[in-house]
Protein backbone atom coordinates (compact mmCIF):
# COMPACT_ATOMS: atom_id res chain seq x y z
CA MET A 1 10.28 -14.89 2.54
CA SER A 2 7.41 -16.30 0.22
CA LEU A 3 6.03 -14.75 -2.76
CA GLU A 4 2.35 -16.07 -3.73
CA LEU A 5 0.87 -14.99 -7.22
CA ARG A 6 -2.70 -15.47 -7.23
CA VAL A 7 -4.68 -14.53 -10.65
CA LEU A 8 -8.47 -14.18 -9.65
CA ASP A 9 -11.69 -13.08 -11.24
CA ASP A 10 -12.25 -10.78 -8.20
CA PRO A 11 -8.96 -9.99 -6.43
CA ALA A 12 -10.49 -7.10 -4.50
CA GLU A 13 -12.70 -9.70 -2.83
CA GLU A 14 -9.68 -11.78 -1.78
CA ALA A 15 -7.83 -8.60 -0.51
CA ALA A 16 -10.97 -7.84 1.65
CA ARG A 17 -10.95 -11.02 3.22
CA LEU A 18 -7.46 -10.78 4.11
CA LEU A 19 -8.02 -7.29 5.47
CA ALA A 20 -11.00 -8.47 7.35
CA GLU A 21 -8.93 -11.18 9.03
CA ALA A 22 -6.25 -8.63 10.06
CA ALA A 23 -8.95 -6.59 11.41
CA ARG A 24 -10.17 -9.56 13.66
CA ALA A 25 -6.46 -10.17 14.69
CA GLY A 26 -5.75 -6.70 15.62
CA GLY A 27 -2.26 -5.12 15.29
CA ALA A 28 -0.91 -2.59 12.75
CA VAL A 29 -2.12 -2.35 9.12
CA ALA A 30 -1.07 -0.05 6.36
CA LEU A 31 -3.32 0.98 3.56
CA SER A 32 -3.02 2.68 0.14
CA GLY A 33 -4.97 5.01 -1.63
CA GLY A 34 -6.16 5.01 -5.45
CA SER A 35 -9.32 3.51 -7.15
CA THR A 36 -8.18 -0.02 -7.16
CA PRO A 37 -8.41 -0.83 -3.35
CA LYS A 38 -11.55 1.05 -2.70
CA PRO A 39 -13.91 -1.61 -3.19
CA ALA A 40 -11.83 -4.03 -1.29
CA TYR A 41 -11.96 -1.48 1.86
CA ARG A 42 -15.76 -1.40 1.61
CA ARG A 43 -16.09 -4.97 1.21
CA ALA A 44 -13.79 -5.64 4.10
CA ALA A 45 -16.02 -3.28 6.24
CA GLU A 46 -18.95 -5.51 5.32
CA LEU A 47 -16.99 -8.72 6.36
CA GLU A 48 -15.89 -7.20 9.50
CA PRO A 49 -17.72 -4.22 10.97
CA ASP A 50 -15.74 -3.80 13.99
CA TRP A 51 -12.07 -2.70 13.44
CA SER A 52 -11.27 -1.45 16.92
CA ARG A 53 -8.59 -4.03 17.64
CA VAL A 54 -6.52 -2.61 14.62
CA GLU A 55 -4.38 0.55 14.06
CA ILE A 56 -4.41 1.88 10.44
CA PHE A 57 -1.54 3.63 9.11
CA LEU A 58 -1.25 5.16 5.44
CA ALA A 59 1.38 3.86 3.23
CA ASP A 60 1.47 7.16 1.53
CA ASP A 61 -0.44 10.33 1.04
CA ARG A 62 -0.26 13.62 -0.77
CA CYS A 63 0.65 16.84 0.89
CA VAL A 64 -3.05 17.98 0.92
CA PRO A 65 -5.60 18.65 3.89
CA PRO A 66 -7.37 15.89 4.90
CA GLU A 67 -10.74 16.78 3.34
CA ASP A 68 -9.09 17.25 0.07
CA GLU A 69 -10.32 14.89 -2.64
CA ARG A 70 -6.73 13.86 -3.31
CA SER A 71 -6.24 12.86 0.01
CA ASN A 72 -5.77 8.96 0.81
CA PHE A 73 -6.68 9.41 4.41
CA ARG A 74 -10.08 10.69 3.22
CA LEU A 75 -10.27 7.86 0.66
CA VAL A 76 -9.77 5.17 3.24
CA ARG A 77 -11.83 6.79 6.23
CA GLU A 78 -14.88 7.14 3.84
CA SER A 79 -14.40 3.81 2.20
CA LEU A 80 -14.33 1.78 5.56
CA GLY A 81 -17.12 3.95 6.89
CA GLY A 82 -17.81 3.54 10.76
CA VAL A 83 -15.75 0.43 11.57
CA GLY A 84 -14.16 2.11 14.68
CA ALA A 85 -10.70 1.97 13.23
CA ARG A 86 -7.90 4.42 14.56
CA ILE A 87 -6.23 5.90 11.60
CA HIS A 88 -3.00 7.50 11.82
CA ARG A 89 -3.15 10.13 9.20
CA ILE A 90 0.01 11.88 7.42
CA GLN A 91 -0.56 15.62 8.30
CA GLY A 92 -0.51 16.59 4.59
CA GLU A 93 -1.39 20.45 5.52
CA LEU A 94 2.14 20.80 6.81
CA PRO A 95 5.25 21.27 4.58
CA PRO A 96 6.23 17.85 3.23
CA GLU A 97 9.64 17.54 5.32
CA GLU A 98 7.89 18.45 8.46
CA ALA A 99 4.99 16.01 7.85
CA ALA A 100 7.17 13.21 7.04
CA ALA A 101 9.12 13.84 10.27
CA ARG A 102 6.05 13.86 12.54
CA TYR A 103 4.81 10.58 10.59
CA ASP A 104 8.20 9.08 11.05
CA GLU A 105 7.90 9.47 14.85
CA VAL A 106 4.53 7.86 14.84
CA VAL A 107 5.35 4.81 12.75
CA ARG A 108 9.03 4.39 13.95
CA GLY A 109 9.52 1.28 15.90
CA ARG A 110 6.10 -0.38 14.97
CA THR A 111 5.89 -3.66 12.86
CA LEU A 112 3.23 -3.93 10.45
CA ASP A 113 1.17 -7.08 10.33
CA LEU A 114 -0.17 -6.31 6.88
CA ALA A 115 0.62 -3.69 4.27
CA LEU A 116 -1.89 -3.49 1.26
CA LEU A 117 0.00 -2.01 -1.66
CA GLY A 118 -0.68 -1.30 -5.27
CA ILE A 119 1.62 -1.03 -8.23
CA GLY A 120 1.68 1.89 -10.90
CA ALA A 121 2.18 1.34 -14.70
CA ASP A 122 5.76 2.70 -13.94
CA GLY A 123 6.32 0.03 -11.39
CA HIS A 124 5.99 2.43 -8.32
CA THR A 125 4.40 1.39 -5.04
CA ALA A 126 3.24 3.63 -2.25
CA SER A 127 5.04 6.87 -3.17
CA LEU A 128 8.49 5.09 -3.89
CA PHE A 129 8.95 5.94 -7.49
CA PRO A 130 11.47 4.56 -10.07
CA ASN A 131 15.17 5.42 -9.09
CA ALA A 132 13.88 7.78 -6.48
CA PRO A 133 16.31 8.89 -3.49
CA ALA A 134 13.56 7.46 -1.35
CA LEU A 135 14.60 3.91 -2.35
CA ASP A 136 17.91 4.47 -0.58
CA GLU A 137 16.51 5.49 2.93
CA ARG A 138 17.50 2.82 5.38
CA GLU A 139 16.89 4.66 8.76
CA ARG A 140 13.72 6.57 8.75
CA ALA A 141 10.14 4.97 8.56
CA ALA A 142 8.82 7.88 6.42
CA VAL A 143 10.19 10.42 4.26
CA ALA A 144 8.84 13.29 1.79
CA ALA A 145 8.81 12.02 -1.83
CA GLU A 146 8.62 14.10 -4.86
CA PRO A 147 5.71 13.42 -7.10
CA GLY A 148 6.53 10.71 -9.90
CA MET A 149 2.92 11.02 -11.59
CA GLU A 150 -0.05 13.12 -11.58
CA PRO A 151 -1.23 14.90 -9.41
CA PHE A 152 1.90 16.68 -9.36
CA VAL A 153 1.68 17.17 -5.56
CA PRO A 154 4.65 16.46 -2.83
CA ARG A 155 3.93 13.20 -0.88
CA VAL A 156 4.93 11.58 2.15
CA THR A 157 5.72 7.80 1.95
CA LEU A 158 6.63 4.94 4.33
CA THR A 159 10.10 3.52 3.27
CA LEU A 160 11.52 0.14 2.23
CA PRO A 161 12.84 -0.95 5.62
CA ILE A 162 9.19 -0.68 7.22
CA LEU A 163 7.38 -2.25 4.20
CA ASN A 164 9.67 -5.01 4.08
CA ALA A 165 9.49 -5.85 7.83
CA ALA A 166 5.67 -6.57 7.39
CA GLY A 167 4.34 -9.94 8.39
CA LEU A 168 2.16 -9.79 5.23
CA ALA A 169 2.55 -7.56 2.01
CA VAL A 170 -0.55 -7.84 -0.29
CA PHE A 171 -0.40 -6.32 -3.69
CA LEU A 172 -3.62 -5.55 -5.35
CA VAL A 173 -3.11 -5.22 -9.13
CA THR A 174 -5.68 -4.93 -11.67
CA GLY A 175 -5.84 -3.73 -15.42
CA ALA A 176 -3.93 -4.42 -18.84
CA GLU A 177 -2.00 -1.27 -18.09
CA LYS A 178 -0.26 -2.73 -15.05
CA ARG A 179 0.67 -6.12 -16.96
CA ALA A 180 4.23 -4.99 -17.91
CA ALA A 181 4.97 -3.57 -14.58
CA ALA A 182 3.67 -6.71 -12.74
CA ALA A 183 5.84 -8.85 -14.66
CA ARG A 184 8.90 -6.69 -14.06
CA ALA A 185 7.85 -6.54 -10.27
CA PHE A 186 7.04 -10.23 -9.66
CA ALA A 187 8.88 -12.36 -12.36
CA SER A 188 12.03 -10.39 -12.90
CA GLU A 189 15.23 -9.44 -10.76
CA PRO A 190 14.72 -6.67 -8.13
CA SER A 191 15.40 -3.18 -9.40
CA PRO A 192 15.18 0.46 -8.25
CA ALA A 193 13.62 1.06 -11.67
CA THR A 194 10.56 -1.05 -10.48
CA PRO A 195 10.19 -0.02 -6.94
CA ALA A 196 7.51 -2.81 -6.25
CA SER A 197 10.28 -5.44 -7.00
CA LEU A 198 12.05 -4.06 -4.00
CA VAL A 199 9.03 -4.80 -1.50
CA ARG A 200 8.86 -8.18 0.23
CA GLY A 201 7.22 -8.93 3.39
CA ALA A 202 7.99 -11.94 5.60
CA ARG A 203 5.00 -13.45 3.19
CA THR A 204 4.05 -11.47 0.01
CA VAL A 205 0.74 -12.25 -1.62
CA VAL A 206 0.04 -10.61 -4.97
CA LEU A 207 -3.77 -10.45 -6.07
CA LEU A 208 -4.07 -9.87 -9.93
CA ASP A 209 -6.86 -10.07 -12.39
CA GLU A 210 -6.45 -11.60 -15.63
CA ASP A 211 -5.74 -8.63 -17.41
CA ALA A 212 -2.81 -7.61 -14.97
CA GLY A 213 -1.52 -11.27 -14.72
CA SER A 214 -1.40 -12.59 -18.15
CA ASP A 215 2.15 -12.18 -18.60
CA LEU A 216 2.99 -14.15 -15.16
CA HIS A 217 3.43 -17.77 -14.73
CA PHE A 218 1.86 -18.85 -11.37
CA ASP A 219 0.86 -21.68 -9.21
CA ALA A 220 -2.86 -21.56 -8.13
CA ILE A 221 -3.08 -21.49 -4.40
């Protein structure tokens, strides 16, 4: 496993480039929600307008209907626009355990070629929150997760085994409020108190802006 730290003026542009490369190559890609990756998705759709060769999975989602403004599925679909990608959504309109069981059936046995992830100020990634029971899951690919931050809505998340099996894990991290969490996740010993520190693909690339990366020592790549 390799870990590459890159502090960039525009980390979203580099994330978009990696996503466009994955779309051209085809395979399975996991995407996250939130405001940070949204510009990367829009830019990736500009760089590669044909995503018909790739299947998109969600790293996590809230248990809300797909048209809800809090839905990660909605954010990904609208941000990518009409690129022709197949998006496997989490059926958030169902009870959390049922939604997780159905999503587990969809994802189980798949290997992600790329997983794009973020990190919260508390160190969480996907919906894997600090010291949560979901961190101990070793068999299932997806489980229900209690919310660890607002909005306090039950969630479904991919688990550590499937995220750690990804060929490429990309973390997109911006903002001074993420600085301490980034240092714990990428420059300290792995700990369930910082779930992002437990996620490492075969290759892991961390894309940070200067505010988020100022506490990290890195080699320019």
